[in-house]
Structures are given as C-alpha cells and as structure tokens.
Amino acid sequence: MTTLFDHEEHASRYVMSIDGALVAVADYRLNGTSISFNHTYTQPAHRGNGYAAQLVKYAMDDVEATTAKRVLPMCWYVAEWFDANPARAQLLSR
C-alpha cells in the first residue's frame, strides 16, 4: 500500500492518496497572517481508518515548517484534531 500526501497550492488544499486513489482532502483559505481550514473530507469507503487525522497532521506539519501563518480551525474536524493534540496549540491563531 502506497500512501502519498500532497499540498496542492493551486487548489488551496492538502490531499492524501492511497495506491493512486484520493481518500481525503483538507481545504483551506489564506487570510493575511492566518490559514483557515474550512473543510475536511474523507471518501465514504475510507472513513473510520484515521486518514483524516493523518492528513491534518501532515497539513499542520507543513504549515509549521514552511510558513509563519497561524491556523484558524473553521472545520469541526480540524478543531477536534487540535483538542486531541494540545501540544500543537501554538499553531492556533489567537
């Protein structure tokens, strides 16, 4: 099984593919010094496997490593991810 993560800047989203099939997407919008994650989606056939959590972690790692932006978790899933990962709270916009 080959899992790939990608930041598709032209589409303002992060994606996760397994064996060439798109399984999860995290959409965002840039807002000045913040990045607002407004929608996370996992294909129904792939739900319940933790893929969205893996994708959000990848996205947060990328935001932290490549920008100075702070995260606005407008999507309920991203907000819950931060609740479950309080050590990453420094990324949140206050």
N, C-alpha and C. Protein backbone atom coordinates (compact mmCIF):
# COMPACT_ATOMS: atom_id res chain seq x y z
N MET A 1 0.85 -1.18 0.00
CA MET A 1 0.00 0.00 0.00
C MET A 1 0.89 1.24 0.00
N THR A 2 0.68 2.12 -0.97
CA THR A 2 1.46 3.34 -1.09
C THR A 2 0.59 4.53 -0.70
N THR A 3 1.01 5.22 0.35
CA THR A 3 0.29 6.40 0.82
C THR A 3 1.09 7.64 0.47
N LEU A 4 0.44 8.60 -0.18
CA LEU A 4 1.08 9.86 -0.56
C LEU A 4 0.28 11.04 -0.03
N PHE A 5 1.00 12.04 0.46
CA PHE A 5 0.40 13.30 0.89
C PHE A 5 0.92 14.37 -0.05
N ASP A 6 0.08 15.37 -0.32
CA ASP A 6 0.50 16.46 -1.21
C ASP A 6 -0.19 17.75 -0.81
N HIS A 7 0.52 18.84 -1.02
CA HIS A 7 -0.04 20.17 -0.83
C HIS A 7 -0.31 20.73 -2.22
N GLU A 8 -1.56 20.78 -2.60
CA GLU A 8 -1.96 21.31 -3.90
C GLU A 8 -2.29 22.79 -3.74
N GLU A 9 -1.22 23.61 -3.77
CA GLU A 9 -1.39 25.05 -3.53
C GLU A 9 -2.34 25.69 -4.52
N HIS A 10 -2.30 25.28 -5.79
CA HIS A 10 -3.17 25.86 -6.81
C HIS A 10 -4.65 25.64 -6.49
N ALA A 11 -4.97 24.60 -5.73
CA ALA A 11 -6.34 24.29 -5.36
C ALA A 11 -6.62 24.63 -3.88
N SER A 12 -5.65 25.17 -3.17
CA SER A 12 -5.77 25.52 -1.75
C SER A 12 -6.25 24.33 -0.93
N ARG A 13 -5.51 23.22 -1.07
CA ARG A 13 -5.88 22.04 -0.31
C ARG A 13 -4.70 21.10 -0.11
N TYR A 14 -4.85 20.27 0.90
CA TYR A 14 -3.93 19.16 1.15
C TYR A 14 -4.71 17.90 0.81
N VAL A 15 -4.01 16.92 0.23
CA VAL A 15 -4.68 15.68 -0.16
C VAL A 15 -3.88 14.47 0.29
N MET A 16 -4.60 13.37 0.46
CA MET A 16 -4.00 12.08 0.80
C MET A 16 -4.52 11.06 -0.21
N SER A 17 -3.59 10.32 -0.80
CA SER A 17 -3.94 9.27 -1.76
C SER A 17 -3.34 7.95 -1.30
N ILE A 18 -4.07 6.88 -1.56
CA ILE A 18 -3.58 5.54 -1.28
C ILE A 18 -3.68 4.75 -2.58
N ASP A 19 -2.54 4.23 -2.99
CA ASP A 19 -2.46 3.46 -4.24
C ASP A 19 -3.08 4.23 -5.41
N GLY A 20 -2.84 5.54 -5.44
CA GLY A 20 -3.31 6.37 -6.53
C GLY A 20 -4.74 6.87 -6.40
N ALA A 21 -5.47 6.43 -5.40
CA ALA A 21 -6.86 6.86 -5.21
C ALA A 21 -6.93 7.94 -4.13
N LEU A 22 -7.61 9.04 -4.44
CA LEU A 22 -7.79 10.12 -3.48
C LEU A 22 -8.69 9.63 -2.35
N VAL A 23 -8.21 9.73 -1.10
CA VAL A 23 -9.02 9.27 0.02
C VAL A 23 -9.44 10.39 0.97
N ALA A 24 -8.66 11.47 1.06
CA ALA A 24 -9.02 12.56 1.98
C ALA A 24 -8.50 13.89 1.46
N VAL A 25 -9.23 14.96 1.84
CA VAL A 25 -8.90 16.32 1.40
C VAL A 25 -9.10 17.26 2.59
N ALA A 26 -8.21 18.24 2.73
CA ALA A 26 -8.37 19.31 3.71
C ALA A 26 -8.23 20.63 2.96
N ASP A 27 -9.35 21.34 2.81
CA ASP A 27 -9.36 22.63 2.11
C ASP A 27 -9.02 23.76 3.05
N TYR A 28 -8.40 24.80 2.51
CA TYR A 28 -8.06 25.97 3.33
C TYR A 28 -8.19 27.25 2.51
N ARG A 29 -8.18 28.36 3.23
CA ARG A 29 -8.14 29.69 2.63
C ARG A 29 -7.11 30.50 3.38
N LEU A 30 -6.34 31.29 2.66
CA LEU A 30 -5.36 32.17 3.29
C LEU A 30 -6.03 33.48 3.66
N ASN A 31 -5.76 33.94 4.89
CA ASN A 31 -6.37 35.17 5.41
C ASN A 31 -5.28 36.01 6.07
N GLY A 32 -4.51 36.73 5.29
CA GLY A 32 -3.44 37.54 5.87
C GLY A 32 -2.39 36.67 6.54
N THR A 33 -2.31 36.79 7.86
CA THR A 33 -1.31 36.01 8.60
C THR A 33 -1.85 34.67 9.09
N SER A 34 -3.07 34.34 8.67
CA SER A 34 -3.69 33.09 9.11
C SER A 34 -4.02 32.20 7.93
N ILE A 35 -4.16 30.92 8.23
CA ILE A 35 -4.65 29.95 7.25
C ILE A 35 -5.87 29.29 7.89
N SER A 36 -6.99 29.41 7.21
CA SER A 36 -8.25 28.92 7.73
C SER A 36 -8.60 27.59 7.08
N PHE A 37 -8.60 26.53 7.87
CA PHE A 37 -9.00 25.21 7.37
C PHE A 37 -10.52 25.13 7.51
N ASN A 38 -11.20 25.12 6.36
CA ASN A 38 -12.65 25.24 6.38
C ASN A 38 -13.41 23.97 5.99
N HIS A 39 -12.71 22.94 5.54
CA HIS A 39 -13.42 21.73 5.15
C HIS A 39 -12.45 20.56 5.09
N THR A 40 -12.82 19.47 5.72
CA THR A 40 -12.05 18.22 5.65
C THR A 40 -13.02 17.13 5.23
N TYR A 41 -12.57 16.31 4.29
CA TYR A 41 -13.47 15.28 3.74
C TYR A 41 -12.69 13.99 3.51
N THR A 42 -13.29 12.88 3.90
CA THR A 42 -12.75 11.55 3.61
C THR A 42 -13.78 10.81 2.77
N GLN A 43 -13.33 10.17 1.72
CA GLN A 43 -14.24 9.38 0.88
C GLN A 43 -14.96 8.37 1.77
N PRO A 44 -16.27 8.22 1.61
CA PRO A 44 -17.04 7.32 2.48
C PRO A 44 -16.47 5.91 2.62
N ALA A 45 -15.96 5.34 1.56
CA ALA A 45 -15.43 3.98 1.62
C ALA A 45 -14.16 3.89 2.48
N HIS A 46 -13.56 5.04 2.79
CA HIS A 46 -12.30 5.05 3.54
C HIS A 46 -12.44 5.62 4.95
N ARG A 47 -13.64 5.94 5.35
CA ARG A 47 -13.85 6.52 6.68
C ARG A 47 -13.61 5.48 7.77
N GLY A 48 -13.21 5.99 8.93
CA GLY A 48 -13.00 5.12 10.08
C GLY A 48 -11.61 4.51 10.16
N ASN A 49 -10.71 4.94 9.29
CA ASN A 49 -9.35 4.40 9.27
C ASN A 49 -8.30 5.39 9.77
N GLY A 50 -8.73 6.55 10.23
CA GLY A 50 -7.79 7.55 10.73
C GLY A 50 -7.11 8.36 9.65
N TYR A 51 -7.60 8.29 8.44
CA TYR A 51 -6.94 9.01 7.34
C TYR A 51 -7.04 10.52 7.49
N ALA A 52 -8.17 11.02 7.92
CA ALA A 52 -8.32 12.47 8.10
C ALA A 52 -7.32 12.98 9.13
N ALA A 53 -7.13 12.24 10.21
CA ALA A 53 -6.16 12.65 11.24
C ALA A 53 -4.75 12.67 10.68
N GLN A 54 -4.40 11.69 9.87
CA GLN A 54 -3.08 11.66 9.25
C GLN A 54 -2.89 12.86 8.32
N LEU A 55 -3.94 13.18 7.56
CA LEU A 55 -3.85 14.30 6.63
C LEU A 55 -3.74 15.63 7.37
N VAL A 56 -4.54 15.82 8.41
CA VAL A 56 -4.47 17.07 9.17
C VAL A 56 -3.09 17.21 9.82
N LYS A 57 -2.54 16.13 10.35
CA LYS A 57 -1.19 16.20 10.92
C LYS A 57 -0.19 16.61 9.85
N TYR A 58 -0.28 16.01 8.67
CA TYR A 58 0.62 16.39 7.58
C TYR A 58 0.47 17.88 7.26
N ALA A 59 -0.77 18.35 7.17
CA ALA A 59 -1.02 19.76 6.85
C ALA A 59 -0.45 20.67 7.93
N MET A 60 -0.66 20.33 9.20
CA MET A 60 -0.14 21.17 10.29
C MET A 60 1.38 21.16 10.31
N ASP A 61 1.98 20.00 10.06
CA ASP A 61 3.45 19.93 9.97
C ASP A 61 3.96 20.82 8.85
N ASP A 62 3.27 20.81 7.71
CA ASP A 62 3.69 21.62 6.58
C ASP A 62 3.51 23.11 6.86
N VAL A 63 2.39 23.49 7.43
CA VAL A 63 2.15 24.90 7.77
C VAL A 63 3.24 25.38 8.72
N GLU A 64 3.53 24.59 9.73
CA GLU A 64 4.54 24.97 10.72
C GLU A 64 5.93 25.06 10.11
N ALA A 65 6.27 24.14 9.22
CA ALA A 65 7.62 24.09 8.64
C ALA A 65 7.86 25.11 7.54
N THR A 66 6.80 25.51 6.84
CA THR A 66 7.01 26.32 5.64
C THR A 66 6.43 27.73 5.69
N THR A 67 5.69 28.05 6.77
CA THR A 67 5.09 29.38 6.85
C THR A 67 5.20 29.92 8.28
N ALA A 68 4.82 31.17 8.43
CA ALA A 68 4.70 31.78 9.76
C ALA A 68 3.23 31.97 10.10
N LYS A 69 2.36 31.39 9.31
CA LYS A 69 0.92 31.57 9.48
C LYS A 69 0.41 30.80 10.70
N ARG A 70 -0.69 31.31 11.25
CA ARG A 70 -1.38 30.67 12.36
C ARG A 70 -2.67 30.08 11.83
N VAL A 71 -3.13 29.02 12.44
CA VAL A 71 -4.27 28.24 11.95
C VAL A 71 -5.57 28.68 12.61
N LEU A 72 -6.59 28.87 11.76
CA LEU A 72 -7.96 29.08 12.21
C LEU A 72 -8.74 27.81 11.85
N PRO A 73 -9.09 26.99 12.83
CA PRO A 73 -9.79 25.74 12.53
C PRO A 73 -11.30 25.96 12.36
N MET A 74 -11.71 26.39 11.18
CA MET A 74 -13.13 26.63 10.90
C MET A 74 -13.89 25.32 10.69
N CYS A 75 -13.20 24.28 10.31
CA CYS A 75 -13.79 22.95 10.12
C CYS A 75 -13.86 22.26 11.49
N TRP A 76 -15.00 21.64 11.79
CA TRP A 76 -15.15 20.97 13.08
C TRP A 76 -14.09 19.89 13.28
N TYR A 77 -13.72 19.19 12.21
CA TYR A 77 -12.76 18.10 12.36
C TYR A 77 -11.38 18.64 12.75
N VAL A 78 -10.96 19.72 12.12
CA VAL A 78 -9.66 20.31 12.45
C VAL A 78 -9.68 20.84 13.89
N ALA A 79 -10.78 21.44 14.31
CA ALA A 79 -10.91 21.91 15.70
C ALA A 79 -10.78 20.73 16.67
N GLU A 80 -11.45 19.62 16.37
CA GLU A 80 -11.35 18.44 17.24
C GLU A 80 -9.95 17.84 17.21
N TRP A 81 -9.27 17.93 16.07
CA TRP A 81 -7.89 17.43 15.97
C TRP A 81 -7.00 18.20 16.95
N PHE A 82 -7.18 19.53 17.00
CA PHE A 82 -6.40 20.34 17.94
C PHE A 82 -6.76 20.01 19.38
N ASP A 83 -8.03 19.73 19.66
CA ASP A 83 -8.42 19.31 21.01
C ASP A 83 -7.70 18.02 21.40
N ALA A 84 -7.54 17.11 20.46
CA ALA A 84 -6.88 15.83 20.72
C ALA A 84 -5.35 15.94 20.69
N ASN A 85 -4.84 17.06 20.19
CA ASN A 85 -3.39 17.27 20.08
C ASN A 85 -3.01 18.62 20.68
N PRO A 86 -3.21 18.79 21.99
CA PRO A 86 -2.98 20.10 22.61
C PRO A 86 -1.54 20.59 22.50
N ALA A 87 -0.58 19.71 22.29
CA ALA A 87 0.80 20.14 22.13
C ALA A 87 1.00 20.97 20.87
N ARG A 88 0.05 20.92 19.96
CA ARG A 88 0.15 21.69 18.70
C ARG A 88 -0.56 23.04 18.78
N ALA A 89 -1.09 23.38 19.95
CA ALA A 89 -1.88 24.60 20.11
C ALA A 89 -1.12 25.88 19.75
N GLN A 90 0.21 25.83 19.75
CA GLN A 90 0.98 27.03 19.38
C GLN A 90 0.71 27.45 17.94
N LEU A 91 0.15 26.57 17.13
CA LEU A 91 -0.18 26.90 15.74
C LEU A 91 -1.48 27.70 15.61
N LEU A 92 -2.29 27.69 16.66
CA LEU A 92 -3.59 28.32 16.57
C LEU A 92 -3.49 29.84 16.60
N SER A 93 -4.37 30.46 15.82
CA SER A 93 -4.49 31.91 15.83
C SER A 93 -5.27 32.30 17.09
N ARG A 94 -4.81 33.31 17.74
CA ARG A 94 -5.50 33.75 18.97
C ARG A 94 -6.25 35.03 18.70
